[in-house]
Amino acid sequence: MRLLLDTHIFLWWDSDPSKLSKMSLEAIEDKSNSLFLSIISIWEIQVKKDIGKLSLRVPLIEMLEEQEKTNEIKLLPLETKHIFGLEGLTQHHKDPFDRVIIAQAKVENLTVITNDIVSSNYGVKLLS
């Protein structure tokens, strides 16, 4: 399965995996699954860190390098097709970061791991 980790799931997995559901944790730890993190999540984490809404256990670059090396997580770049994927996407989310992650999942046919109930309104495959 190809899994796209929502921002909060990535942060929980890195700092406090006990916050993850058993199903989410098993899917993330299953080496037969491919793990992706959107570059949008990196931007969101950095923005929240910069405005004081988030603190990290290590600098973001170290966290990302560690996850890439240890867990083979791959960064999903933002491409034009993802932006065009926003067209027609209903306005269930006011958060532009979440909307882009949903658009990326739809375009790339990825299953999103999230605890965000609103995401279920978009018709993407979810795991929570």
Foldseek 3Di string as FASTA:
>chain_A
DEEEEDLVCLQCVLPPVVPADPFVVVQQPPLVYAAEYEVLSVVVQVVCVVVVNDDHPDPPVVSVVCCCVPRVYYYDYDDPQLVVLLVPQDPLDPDPSVSSSLSVCVVVVHEYEDPDPSSVVRPHHYDD
